[in-house]
C-alpha atoms as a PDB file:
ATOM      1  CA  UNK A   1     -28.819  46.883   9.685  1.00  0.00           C
ATOM      2  CA  UNK A   2     -27.298  45.183   5.411  1.00  0.00           C
ATOM      3  CA  UNK A   3     -30.675  45.120   3.751  1.00  0.00           C
ATOM      4  CA  UNK A   4     -29.183  46.412   0.305  1.00  0.00           C
ATOM      5  CA  UNK A   5     -28.145  49.084   1.451  1.00  0.00           C
ATOM      6  CA  UNK A   6     -24.757  49.294   3.034  1.00  0.00           C
ATOM      7  CA  UNK A   7     -23.620  46.413   1.217  1.00  0.00           C
ATOM      8  CA  UNK A   8     -26.144  45.334  -0.791  1.00  0.00           C
ATOM      9  CA  UNK A   9     -26.124  42.289   0.749  1.00  0.00           C
ATOM     10  CA  UNK A  10     -22.744  40.400  -0.215  1.00  0.00           C
ATOM     11  CA  UNK A  11     -24.638  38.145  -2.485  1.00  0.00           C
ATOM     12  CA  UNK A  12     -26.690  40.577  -3.984  1.00  0.00           C
ATOM     13  CA  UNK A  13     -23.742  42.446  -4.414  1.00  0.00           C
ATOM     14  CA  UNK A  14     -21.899  40.393  -6.873  1.00  0.00           C
ATOM     15  CA  UNK A  15     -24.903  40.904  -9.226  1.00  0.00           C
ATOM     16  CA  UNK A  16     -25.282  44.229  -8.399  1.00  0.00           C
ATOM     17  CA  UNK A  17     -22.071  44.683  -8.834  1.00  0.00           C
ATOM     18  CA  UNK A  18     -21.055  47.766 -11.270  1.00  0.00           C
ATOM     19  CA  UNK A  19     -24.185  49.465  -8.910  1.00  0.00           C
ATOM     20  CA  UNK A  20     -22.936  53.625  -8.701  1.00  0.00           C
ATOM     21  CA  UNK A  21     -22.204  53.457  -4.927  1.00  0.00           C
ATOM     22  CA  UNK A  22     -22.850  56.631  -2.814  1.00  0.00           C
ATOM     23  CA  UNK A  23     -19.703  59.315  -2.859  1.00  0.00           C
ATOM     24  CA  UNK A  24     -18.297  60.272   0.687  1.00  0.00           C
ATOM     25  CA  UNK A  25     -19.363  63.312   2.136  1.00  0.00           C
ATOM     26  CA  UNK A  26     -16.414  65.915   1.895  1.00  0.00           C
ATOM     27  CA  UNK A  27     -14.767  66.889   4.418  1.00  0.00           C
ATOM     28  CA  UNK A  28     -16.463  63.997   6.275  1.00  0.00           C
ATOM     29  CA  UNK A  29     -14.735  62.258   9.176  1.00  0.00           C
ATOM     30  CA  UNK A  30     -15.706  58.617   7.591  1.00  0.00           C
ATOM     31  CA  UNK A  31     -14.529  58.311   4.576  1.00  0.00           C
ATOM     32  CA  UNK A  32     -16.349  54.607   3.675  1.00  0.00           C
ATOM     33  CA  UNK A  33     -19.880  55.657   1.808  1.00  0.00           C
ATOM     34  CA  UNK A  34     -22.311  52.686   1.712  1.00  0.00           C
ATOM     35  CA  UNK A  35     -21.833  50.283  -0.994  1.00  0.00           C
ATOM     36  CA  UNK A  36     -17.640  49.834  -0.076  1.00  0.00           C
ATOM     37  CA  UNK A  37     -18.175  46.464   2.004  1.00  0.00           C
ATOM     38  CA  UNK A  38     -19.840  45.123  -1.006  1.00  0.00           C
ATOM     39  CA  UNK A  39     -17.442  45.993  -3.381  1.00  0.00           C
ATOM     40  CA  UNK A  40     -14.570  44.872  -1.401  1.00  0.00           C
ATOM     41  CA  UNK A  41     -16.275  41.984  -1.193  1.00  0.00           C
ATOM     42  CA  UNK A  42     -17.239  41.675  -4.314  1.00  0.00           C
ATOM     43  CA  UNK A  43     -13.358  41.838  -5.577  1.00  0.00           C
ATOM     44  CA  UNK A  44     -11.886  39.614  -3.322  1.00  0.00           C
ATOM     45  CA  UNK A  45     -14.956  37.018  -5.062  1.00  0.00           C
ATOM     46  CA  UNK A  46     -14.677  37.931  -8.289  1.00  0.00           C
ATOM     47  CA  UNK A  47     -11.209  36.364 -10.174  1.00  0.00           C
ATOM     48  CA  UNK A  48     -13.050  33.035  -8.332  1.00  0.00           C
ATOM     49  CA  UNK A  49     -15.826  33.342 -10.413  1.00  0.00           C
ATOM     50  CA  UNK A  50     -15.110  34.296 -13.381  1.00  0.00           C
ATOM     51  CA  UNK A  51     -12.653  30.932 -13.750  1.00  0.00           C
ATOM     52  CA  UNK A  52     -15.523  29.095 -12.466  1.00  0.00           C
ATOM     53  CA  UNK A  53     -17.773  30.636 -15.349  1.00  0.00           C
ATOM     54  CA  UNK A  54     -14.848  30.464 -18.287  1.00  0.00           C
ATOM     55  CA  UNK A  55     -14.077  26.162 -16.900  1.00  0.00           C
ATOM     56  CA  UNK A  56     -17.772  25.907 -17.462  1.00  0.00           C
ATOM     57  CA  UNK A  57     -18.232  27.578 -20.192  1.00  0.00           C
ATOM     58  CA  UNK A  58     -14.924  25.293 -21.511  1.00  0.00           C
ATOM     59  CA  UNK A  59     -16.397  21.720 -20.314  1.00  0.00           C
ATOM     60  CA  UNK A  60     -19.786  22.521 -21.999  1.00  0.00           C
ATOM     61  CA  UNK A  61     -19.070  23.180 -24.473  1.00  0.00           C
ATOM     62  CA  UNK A  62     -16.164  20.651 -24.678  1.00  0.00           C
ATOM     63  CA  UNK A  63     -18.466  18.172 -23.732  1.00  0.00           C
ATOM     64  CA  UNK A  64     -21.408  19.160 -26.281  1.00  0.00           C
ATOM     65  CA  UNK A  65     -18.827  18.782 -29.238  1.00  0.00           C
ATOM     66  CA  UNK A  66     -16.959  15.296 -28.542  1.00  0.00           C
ATOM     67  CA  UNK A  67     -21.219  14.530 -27.913  1.00  0.00           C
ATOM     68  CA  UNK A  68     -22.374  15.778 -31.205  1.00  0.00           C
ATOM     69  CA  UNK A  69     -19.969  15.043 -33.273  1.00  0.00           C
ATOM     70  CA  UNK A  70     -18.606  11.212 -31.335  1.00  0.00           C
ATOM     71  CA  UNK A  71     -20.585   7.883 -32.924  1.00  0.00           C
ATOM     72  CA  UNK A  72     -21.939   7.501 -29.951  1.00  0.00           C
ATOM     73  CA  UNK A  73     -23.640   9.623 -29.098  1.00  0.00           C
ATOM     74  CA  UNK A  74     -25.414   9.432 -33.197  1.00  0.00           C
ATOM     75  CA  UNK A  75     -25.908   5.962 -31.820  1.00  0.00           C
ATOM     76  CA  UNK A  76     -27.876   6.448 -28.441  1.00  0.00           C
ATOM     77  CA  UNK A  77     -29.777   9.404 -30.620  1.00  0.00           C
ATOM     78  CA  UNK A  78     -31.024   6.411 -33.134  1.00  0.00           C
ATOM     79  CA  UNK A  79     -30.817   3.827 -30.360  1.00  0.00           C
ATOM     80  CA  UNK A  80     -33.226   6.452 -28.360  1.00  0.00           C
ATOM     81  CA  UNK A  81     -35.607   7.052 -31.770  1.00  0.00           C
ATOM     82  CA  UNK A  82     -35.872   3.440 -32.644  1.00  0.00           C
ATOM     83  CA  UNK A  83     -37.037   2.574 -28.730  1.00  0.00           C
ATOM     84  CA  UNK A  84     -39.728   5.211 -27.682  1.00  0.00           C
ATOM     85  CA  UNK A  85     -40.623   7.513 -30.799  1.00  0.00           C
ATOM     86  CA  UNK A  86     -38.961  10.341 -32.745  1.00  0.00           C
ATOM     87  CA  UNK A  87     -40.991  12.697 -30.473  1.00  0.00           C
ATOM     88  CA  UNK A  88     -40.383  11.657 -26.508  1.00  0.00           C
ATOM     89  CA  UNK A  89     -37.472  11.084 -28.134  1.00  0.00           C
ATOM     90  CA  UNK A  90     -37.039  14.735 -28.534  1.00  0.00           C
ATOM     91  CA  UNK A  91     -38.243  15.874 -25.494  1.00  0.00           C
ATOM     92  CA  UNK A  92     -35.797  13.651 -23.815  1.00  0.00           C
ATOM     93  CA  UNK A  93     -33.578  15.576 -24.807  1.00  0.00           C
ATOM     94  CA  UNK A  94     -34.708  18.053 -24.163  1.00  0.00           C
ATOM     95  CA  UNK A  95     -35.173  16.380 -20.171  1.00  0.00           C
ATOM     96  CA  UNK A  96     -31.894  16.004 -20.590  1.00  0.00           C
ATOM     97  CA  UNK A  97     -30.224  19.875 -22.211  1.00  0.00           C
ATOM     98  CA  UNK A  98     -32.520  21.800 -18.912  1.00  0.00           C
ATOM     99  CA  UNK A  99     -31.376  19.697 -16.396  1.00  0.00           C
ATOM    100  CA  UNK A 100     -27.350  19.854 -17.917  1.00  0.00           C
ATOM    101  CA  UNK A 101     -27.549  23.773 -17.753  1.00  0.00           C
ATOM    102  CA  UNK A 102     -29.279  24.274 -14.690  1.00  0.00           C
ATOM    103  CA  UNK A 103     -26.033  21.941 -13.569  1.00  0.00           C
ATOM    104  CA  UNK A 104     -23.854  24.377 -14.537  1.00  0.00           C
ATOM    105  CA  UNK A 105     -25.405  26.938 -14.137  1.00  0.00           C
ATOM    106  CA  UNK A 106     -25.264  25.306  -9.914  1.00  0.00           C
ATOM    107  CA  UNK A 107     -21.442  25.928 -10.351  1.00  0.00           C
ATOM    108  CA  UNK A 108     -21.660  29.395 -11.013  1.00  0.00           C
ATOM    109  CA  UNK A 109     -23.582  29.921  -7.875  1.00  0.00           C
ATOM    110  CA  UNK A 110     -22.115  28.030  -5.820  1.00  0.00           C
ATOM    111  CA  UNK A 111     -18.993  26.809  -6.173  1.00  0.00           C
ATOM    112  CA  UNK A 112     -16.996  30.793  -6.282  1.00  0.00           C
ATOM    113  CA  UNK A 113     -17.545  31.503  -2.103  1.00  0.00           C
ATOM    114  CA  UNK A 114     -16.566  27.926  -1.140  1.00  0.00           C
ATOM    115  CA  UNK A 115     -12.915  28.244  -3.748  1.00  0.00           C
ATOM    116  CA  UNK A 116     -12.418  30.608  -1.073  1.00  0.00           C
ATOM    117  CA  UNK A 117      -9.800  29.985   1.853  1.00  0.00           C
ATOM    118  CA  UNK A 118      -9.043  31.803   4.962  1.00  0.00           C
ATOM    119  CA  UNK A 119      -9.859  35.101   6.248  1.00  0.00           C
ATOM    120  CA  UNK A 120     -11.502  35.628   2.730  1.00  0.00           C
ATOM    121  CA  UNK A 121     -13.678  32.959   3.303  1.00  0.00           C
ATOM    122  CA  UNK A 122     -14.699  34.011   6.539  1.00  0.00           C
ATOM    123  CA  UNK A 123     -15.499  37.165   6.489  1.00  0.00           C
ATOM    124  CA  UNK A 124     -17.598  36.322   3.231  1.00  0.00           C
ATOM    125  CA  UNK A 125     -19.770  34.053   5.245  1.00  0.00           C
ATOM    126  CA  UNK A 126     -20.604  36.293   8.157  1.00  0.00           C
ATOM    127  CA  UNK A 127     -21.290  39.054   6.061  1.00  0.00           C
ATOM    128  CA  UNK A 128     -23.163  36.404   3.601  1.00  0.00           C
ATOM    129  CA  UNK A 129     -25.055  35.287   7.004  1.00  0.00           C
ATOM    130  CA  UNK A 130     -25.856  38.408   8.085  1.00  0.00           C
ATOM    131  CA  UNK A 131     -27.753  40.120   4.371  1.00  0.00           C
ATOM    132  CA  UNK A 132     -29.193  36.790   4.209  1.00  0.00           C
ATOM    133  CA  UNK A 133     -31.228  36.479   7.283  1.00  0.00           C
ATOM    134  CA  UNK A 134     -31.813  40.627   7.505  1.00  0.00           C
ATOM    135  CA  UNK A 135     -33.450  40.782   4.330  1.00  0.00           C
ATOM    136  CA  UNK A 136     -35.161  36.898   5.070  1.00  0.00           C
ATOM    137  CA  UNK A 137     -36.900  38.841   8.014  1.00  0.00           C
ATOM    138  CA  UNK A 138     -38.551  41.323   5.253  1.00  0.00           C
ATOM    139  CA  UNK A 139     -38.952  39.847   1.786  1.00  0.00           C
ATOM    140  CA  UNK A 140     -38.917  35.876   2.851  1.00  0.00           C
ATOM    141  CA  UNK A 141     -36.005  35.238   0.661  1.00  0.00           C
ATOM    142  CA  UNK A 142     -32.747  37.015  -0.348  1.00  0.00           C
ATOM    143  CA  UNK A 143     -33.457  36.692  -3.611  1.00  0.00           C
ATOM    144  CA  UNK A 144     -36.299  39.165  -3.272  1.00  0.00           C
ATOM    145  CA  UNK A 145     -33.225  42.194  -2.299  1.00  0.00           C
ATOM    146  CA  UNK A 146     -31.826  42.331  -5.994  1.00  0.00           C
ATOM    147  CA  UNK A 147     -35.323  43.252  -7.919  1.00  0.00           C
ATOM    148  CA  UNK A 148     -36.285  45.546  -5.535  1.00  0.00           C
ATOM    149  CA  UNK A 149     -33.300  47.582  -4.324  1.00  0.00           C
ATOM    150  CA  UNK A 150     -30.218  46.197  -6.402  1.00  0.00           C
ATOM    151  CA  UNK A 151     -28.911  49.090  -7.845  1.00  0.00           C
ATOM    152  CA  UNK A 152     -29.921  53.116  -6.646  1.00  0.00           C
ATOM    153  CA  UNK A 153     -32.004  54.181 -10.273  1.00  0.00           C
ATOM    154  CA  UNK A 154     -33.934  50.977  -8.921  1.00  0.00           C
ATOM    155  CA  UNK A 155     -34.134  52.036  -4.323  1.00  0.00           C
ATOM    156  CA  UNK A 156     -35.170  54.757  -6.520  1.00  0.00           C
ATOM    157  CA  UNK A 157     -37.876  53.566  -8.261  1.00  0.00           C
ATOM    158  CA  UNK A 158     -39.403  51.398  -5.504  1.00  0.00           C
ATOM    159  CA  UNK A 159     -39.020  54.154  -4.234  1.00  0.00           C
ATOM    160  CA  UNK A 160     -41.293  56.169  -6.008  1.00  0.00           C
ATOM    161  CA  UNK A 161     -43.970  53.432  -6.682  1.00  0.00           C
ATOM    162  CA  UNK A 162     -43.725  52.007  -2.712  1.00  0.00           C
ATOM    163  CA  UNK A 163     -45.784  54.515   0.038  1.00  0.00           C
ATOM    164  CA  UNK A 164     -44.588  54.610   3.251  1.00  0.00           C
ATOM    165  CA  UNK A 165     -45.346  52.163   5.729  1.00  0.00           C
ATOM    166  CA  UNK A 166     -44.197  50.274   8.861  1.00  0.00           C
ATOM    167  CA  UNK A 167     -43.482  46.866   8.071  1.00  0.00           C
ATOM    168  CA  UNK A 168     -41.293  48.263   5.055  1.00  0.00           C
ATOM    169  CA  UNK A 169     -39.983  50.809   7.110  1.00  0.00           C
ATOM    170  CA  UNK A 170     -36.324  48.701   7.275  1.00  0.00           C
ATOM    171  CA  UNK A 171     -36.701  48.408   3.133  1.00  0.00           C
ATOM    172  CA  UNK A 172     -37.517  52.139   2.929  1.00  0.00           C
ATOM    173  CA  UNK A 173     -34.567  53.991   5.624  1.00  0.00           C
ATOM    174  CA  UNK A 174     -31.896  51.849   3.464  1.00  0.00           C
ATOM    175  CA  UNK A 175     -33.450  52.405   0.513  1.00  0.00           C
ATOM    176  CA  UNK A 176     -33.059  56.022   0.861  1.00  0.00           C
ATOM    177  CA  UNK A 177     -29.211  55.428   2.845  1.00  0.00           C
ATOM    178  CA  UNK A 178     -28.092  53.689  -0.968  1.00  0.00           C
ATOM    179  CA  UNK A 179     -29.125  56.821  -2.300  1.00  0.00           C
ATOM    180  CA  UNK A 180     -28.108  59.546  -0.073  1.00  0.00           C
ATOM    181  CA  UNK A 181     -31.288  61.039   0.713  1.00  0.00           C
ATOM    182  CA  UNK A 182     -29.835  61.477   4.375  1.00  0.00           C
ATOM    183  CA  UNK A 183     -32.180  62.955   5.883  1.00  0.00           C
ATOM    184  CA  UNK A 184     -35.092  62.027   5.005  1.00  0.00           C
ATOM    185  CA  UNK A 185     -33.457  58.072   6.203  1.00  0.00           C
ATOM    186  CA  UNK A 186     -33.111  59.949   9.336  1.00  0.00           C
ATOM    187  CA  UNK A 187     -36.253  60.095   9.200  1.00  0.00           C
ATOM    188  CA  UNK A 188     -37.539  56.585   8.947  1.00  0.00           C
ATOM    189  CA  UNK A 189     -34.671  55.309  11.535  1.00  0.00           C
ATOM    190  CA  UNK A 190     -35.983  57.606  14.560  1.00  0.00           C
ATOM    191  CA  UNK A 191     -39.393  55.813  13.426  1.00  0.00           C
ATOM    192  CA  UNK A 192     -37.702  52.249  13.802  1.00  0.00           C
ATOM    193  CA  UNK A 193     -39.142  50.721  16.421  1.00  0.00           C
ATOM    194  CA  UNK A 194     -37.252  49.829  20.246  1.00  0.00           C
ATOM    195  CA  UNK A 195     -39.630  48.413  22.225  1.00  0.00           C
ATOM    196  CA  UNK A 196     -37.206  45.457  22.429  1.00  0.00           C
ATOM    197  CA  UNK A 197     -33.249  45.507  23.813  1.00  0.00           C
ATOM    198  CA  UNK A 198     -32.912  44.280  19.425  1.00  0.00           C
ATOM    199  CA  UNK A 199     -35.178  46.764  18.287  1.00  0.00           C
ATOM    200  CA  UNK A 200     -33.642  49.839  20.210  1.00  0.00           C
ATOM    201  CA  UNK A 201     -30.233  48.339  19.019  1.00  0.00           C
ATOM    202  CA  UNK A 202     -31.389  48.273  14.644  1.00  0.00           C
ATOM    203  CA  UNK A 203     -33.454  51.515  15.821  1.00  0.00           C
ATOM    204  CA  UNK A 204     -29.566  53.016  17.112  1.00  0.00           C
ATOM    205  CA  UNK A 205     -27.306  51.683  14.832  1.00  0.00           C
ATOM    206  CA  UNK A 206     -29.236  53.678  12.100  1.00  0.00           C
ATOM    207  CA  UNK A 207     -29.256  56.257  13.324  1.00  0.00           C
ATOM    208  CA  UNK A 208     -25.293  56.388  14.049  1.00  0.00           C
ATOM    209  CA  UNK A 209     -25.163  54.702  10.366  1.00  0.00           C
ATOM    210  CA  UNK A 210     -26.881  58.454   8.984  1.00  0.00           C
ATOM    211  CA  UNK A 211     -24.658  60.416  10.753  1.00  0.00           C
ATOM    212  CA  UNK A 212     -21.258  58.216  10.013  1.00  0.00           C
ATOM    213  CA  UNK A 213     -22.675  59.074   6.593  1.00  0.00           C
ATOM    214  CA  UNK A 214     -23.354  62.762   7.072  1.00  0.00           C
ATOM    215  CA  UNK A 215     -19.610  63.420   8.765  1.00  0.00           C
ATOM    216  CA  UNK A 216     -20.564  63.247  12.226  1.00  0.00           C
ATOM    217  CA  UNK A 217     -19.058  61.126  14.791  1.00  0.00           C
ATOM    218  CA  UNK A 218     -19.190  57.887  14.828  1.00  0.00           C
ATOM    219  CA  UNK A 219     -19.953  56.429  18.981  1.00  0.00           C
ATOM    220  CA  UNK A 220     -19.647  52.807  18.726  1.00  0.00           C
ATOM    221  CA  UNK A 221     -19.429  52.708  21.865  1.00  0.00           C
ATOM    222  CA  UNK A 222     -22.704  53.609  23.035  1.00  0.00           C
ATOM    223  CA  UNK A 223     -23.907  50.912  20.092  1.00  0.00           C
ATOM    224  CA  UNK A 224     -21.652  48.430  22.735  1.00  0.00           C
ATOM    225  CA  UNK A 225     -23.582  48.797  25.355  1.00  0.00           C
ATOM    226  CA  UNK A 226     -27.335  48.499  23.746  1.00  0.00           C
ATOM    227  CA  UNK A 227     -25.620  45.037  21.950  1.00  0.00           C
ATOM    228  CA  UNK A 228     -24.691  44.697  26.464  1.00  0.00           C
ATOM    229  CA  UNK A 229     -28.374  45.225  27.173  1.00  0.00           C
ATOM    230  CA  UNK A 230     -29.450  42.529  24.649  1.00  0.00           C
ATOM    231  CA  UNK A 231     -29.872  39.029  26.297  1.00  0.00           C
ATOM    232  CA  UNK A 232     -27.729  36.553  25.509  1.00  0.00           C
ATOM    233  CA  UNK A 233     -28.784  35.037  21.886  1.00  0.00           C
ATOM    234  CA  UNK A 234     -29.500  34.608  18.104  1.00  0.00           C
ATOM    235  CA  UNK A 235     -30.679  39.016  18.393  1.00  0.00           C
ATOM    236  CA  UNK A 236     -27.724  39.481  20.069  1.00  0.00           C
ATOM    237  CA  UNK A 237     -25.668  37.670  17.415  1.00  0.00           C
ATOM    238  CA  UNK A 238     -27.374  39.892  14.695  1.00  0.00           C
ATOM    239  CA  UNK A 239     -26.686  43.490  16.958  1.00  0.00           C
ATOM    240  CA  UNK A 240     -23.360  41.976  17.891  1.00  0.00           C
ATOM    241  CA  UNK A 241     -22.284  41.329  13.612  1.00  0.00           C
ATOM    242  CA  UNK A 242     -24.189  44.080  12.485  1.00  0.00           C
ATOM    243  CA  UNK A 243     -22.299  46.128  13.824  1.00  0.00           C
ATOM    244  CA  UNK A 244     -19.210  44.420  12.861  1.00  0.00           C
ATOM    245  CA  UNK A 245     -20.349  44.798   8.932  1.00  0.00           C
ATOM    246  CA  UNK A 246     -20.336  48.440  10.244  1.00  0.00           C
ATOM    247  CA  UNK A 247     -17.400  48.928  11.683  1.00  0.00           C
ATOM    248  CA  UNK A 248     -15.581  47.022   8.002  1.00  0.00           C
ATOM    249  CA  UNK A 249     -16.931  49.244   6.085  1.00  0.00           C
ATOM    250  CA  UNK A 250     -15.291  51.937   7.861  1.00  0.00           C
ATOM    251  CA  UNK A 251     -12.331  50.607   8.163  1.00  0.00           C
ATOM    252  CA  UNK A 252     -12.097  50.892   4.354  1.00  0.00           C
ATOM    253  CA  UNK A 253     -10.367  52.128   1.665  1.00  0.00           C
ATOM    254  CA  UNK A 254      -7.382  51.899   3.861  1.00  0.00           C
ATOM    255  CA  UNK A 255      -7.738  49.387   6.644  1.00  0.00           C
ATOM    256  CA  UNK A 256      -8.523  45.858   7.529  1.00  0.00           C
ATOM    257  CA  UNK A 257     -11.886  45.498   7.091  1.00  0.00           C
ATOM    258  CA  UNK A 258     -11.410  41.903   7.893  1.00  0.00           C
ATOM    259  CA  UNK A 259     -11.162  42.042  11.706  1.00  0.00           C
ATOM    260  CA  UNK A 260     -13.966  43.256  12.358  1.00  0.00           C
ATOM    261  CA  UNK A 261     -15.858  40.883  10.553  1.00  0.00           C
ATOM    262  CA  UNK A 262     -14.121  38.211  11.397  1.00  0.00           C
ATOM    263  CA  UNK A 263     -13.887  38.581  15.305  1.00  0.00           C
ATOM    264  CA  UNK A 264     -17.424  38.148  15.177  1.00  0.00           C
ATOM    265  CA  UNK A 265     -16.614  34.679  13.567  1.00  0.00           C
ATOM    266  CA  UNK A 266     -16.863  32.391  16.746  1.00  0.00           C
ATOM    267  CA  UNK A 267     -20.699  33.287  17.323  1.00  0.00           C
ATOM    268  CA  UNK A 268     -21.647  31.758  14.479  1.00  0.00           C
ATOM    269  CA  UNK A 269     -21.376  27.336  14.831  1.00  0.00           C
ATOM    270  CA  UNK A 270     -22.793  26.559  11.221  1.00  0.00           C
ATOM    271  CA  UNK A 271     -19.253  26.382   9.160  1.00  0.00           C
ATOM    272  CA  UNK A 272     -18.745  28.077   6.744  1.00  0.00           C
ATOM    273  CA  UNK A 273     -19.285  25.712   3.723  1.00  0.00           C
ATOM    274  CA  UNK A 274     -23.151  26.044   5.252  1.00  0.00           C
ATOM    275  CA  UNK A 275     -22.880  29.330   5.202  1.00  0.00           C
ATOM    276  CA  UNK A 276     -21.534  30.281   1.716  1.00  0.00           C
ATOM    277  CA  UNK A 277     -23.987  27.406   0.289  1.00  0.00           C
ATOM    278  CA  UNK A 278     -27.079  28.791   2.153  1.00  0.00           C
ATOM    279  CA  UNK A 279     -27.093  32.904   1.962  1.00  0.00           C
ATOM    280  CA  UNK A 280     -25.171  33.070  -1.055  1.00  0.00           C
ATOM    281  CA  UNK A 281     -24.894  29.930  -2.795  1.00  0.00           C
ATOM    282  CA  UNK A 282     -28.024  29.703  -2.893  1.00  0.00           C
ATOM    283  CA  UNK A 283     -29.453  32.826  -3.508  1.00  0.00           C
ATOM    284  CA  UNK A 284     -27.668  33.264  -6.260  1.00  0.00           C
ATOM    285  CA  UNK A 285     -28.778  30.351  -7.513  1.00  0.00           C
ATOM    286  CA  UNK A 286     -32.453  31.318  -6.585  1.00  0.00           C
ATOM    287  CA  UNK A 287     -31.825  34.814  -8.990  1.00  0.00           C
ATOM    288  CA  UNK A 288     -29.903  32.643 -12.751  1.00  0.00           C
ATOM    289  CA  UNK A 289     -32.492  30.519 -11.465  1.00  0.00           C
ATOM    290  CA  UNK A 290     -35.484  33.565 -12.628  1.00  0.00           C
ATOM    291  CA  UNK A 291     -32.681  35.207 -15.165  1.00  0.00           C
ATOM    292  CA  UNK A 292     -31.176  32.614 -16.983  1.00  0.00           C
ATOM    293  CA  UNK A 293     -32.372  28.703 -16.268  1.00  0.00           C
ATOM    294  CA  UNK A 294     -35.784  29.667 -16.542  1.00  0.00           C
ATOM    295  CA  UNK A 295     -35.917  31.484 -20.207  1.00  0.00           C
ATOM    296  CA  UNK A 296     -34.028  28.412 -21.490  1.00  0.00           C
ATOM    297  CA  UNK A 297     -35.864  26.146 -19.849  1.00  0.00           C
ATOM    298  CA  UNK A 298     -38.642  27.874 -21.822  1.00  0.00           C
ATOM    299  CA  UNK A 299     -36.705  27.956 -25.325  1.00  0.00           C
ATOM    300  CA  UNK A 300     -36.055  24.439 -24.648  1.00  0.00           C
ATOM    301  CA  UNK A 301     -39.572  23.187 -24.385  1.00  0.00           C
ATOM    302  CA  UNK A 302     -40.890  25.730 -27.617  1.00  0.00           C
ATOM    303  CA  UNK A 303     -38.742  24.256 -29.739  1.00  0.00           C
ATOM    304  CA  UNK A 304     -39.512  20.516 -28.890  1.00  0.00           C
ATOM    305  CA  UNK A 305     -42.441  21.294 -28.840  1.00  0.00           C
ATOM    306  CA  UNK A 306     -42.557  23.116 -32.555  1.00  0.00           C
ATOM    307  CA  UNK A 307     -40.870  20.013 -33.977  1.00  0.00           C
ATOM    308  CA  UNK A 308     -43.081  17.410 -32.445  1.00  0.00           C
ATOM    309  CA  UNK A 309     -46.131  18.482 -31.989  1.00  0.00           C
ATOM    310  CA  UNK A 310     -46.906  21.552 -33.750  1.00  0.00           C
ATOM    311  CA  UNK A 311     -47.103  21.281 -37.334  1.00  0.00           C
ATOM    312  CA  UNK A 312     -49.828  18.036 -36.162  1.00  0.00           C
ATOM    313  CA  UNK A 313     -51.982  21.253 -34.718  1.00  0.00           C
ATOM    314  CA  UNK A 314     -50.635  22.825 -38.666  1.00  0.00           C
ATOM    315  CA  UNK A 315     -50.745  19.477 -40.359  1.00  0.00           C
END
């Protein structure tokens, strides 16, 4: 299970990469706490994200400067105003600015993961697939997890405001892990359903993760035995990938955390580009669209309204 606790899903972790991380348990057998795999993936992607953002800003403001100072642009504005009138022209340019800004945000969201190469690219694709799939199953779309529990503080608020329920138990379990309330997390894990082989694995893995976090032995062989009981298909694939994500986190900070993810990459039939676009880029764009693009478009339209309509209403 990765919903939001173990790794925040790499897609969401890039937005909340400064979130606090549950500290290791003193004397425990595993030094890698909840959140470390998400942080490792953020560190892999961060240089590319920074480069893409900088290039996008330079290109955007460069084009804006050239456009506003070029005689051709001024001539075009004058011609549009003459043909359709100043009011329609202002609204047309507002729509054009909104579209251009949306395109720039899309570049920032979709391009960085596609620039990854080799093992980093495969590992990110696998991790993104699992995180998006698990969040989508419970919340409908991956970006909603950022609003609920992108950080431990948000998880604490969600736990305080949301009563326990069978439907939300997987989220509650992950939230409790994220904030380090392991005894309560174990109670939720033990209450997870196990009516099917896949549900049995999810319950077993959840209990094993709690054991791991409090310093008890992690029984990988037992989890693999439960996976073997799942009939071939997407459920067994998800269980195998979920175990790989847990093993990747446990390999941190000094081990080869990419290897478990690379070992299950062949189970996913989609290309890296498809997975990184659907399960990573689209999630980031969905978040940025609501937090950045929509407010910018509203501001543009308010300014256009103030310039074109408000004077006539007040006149």
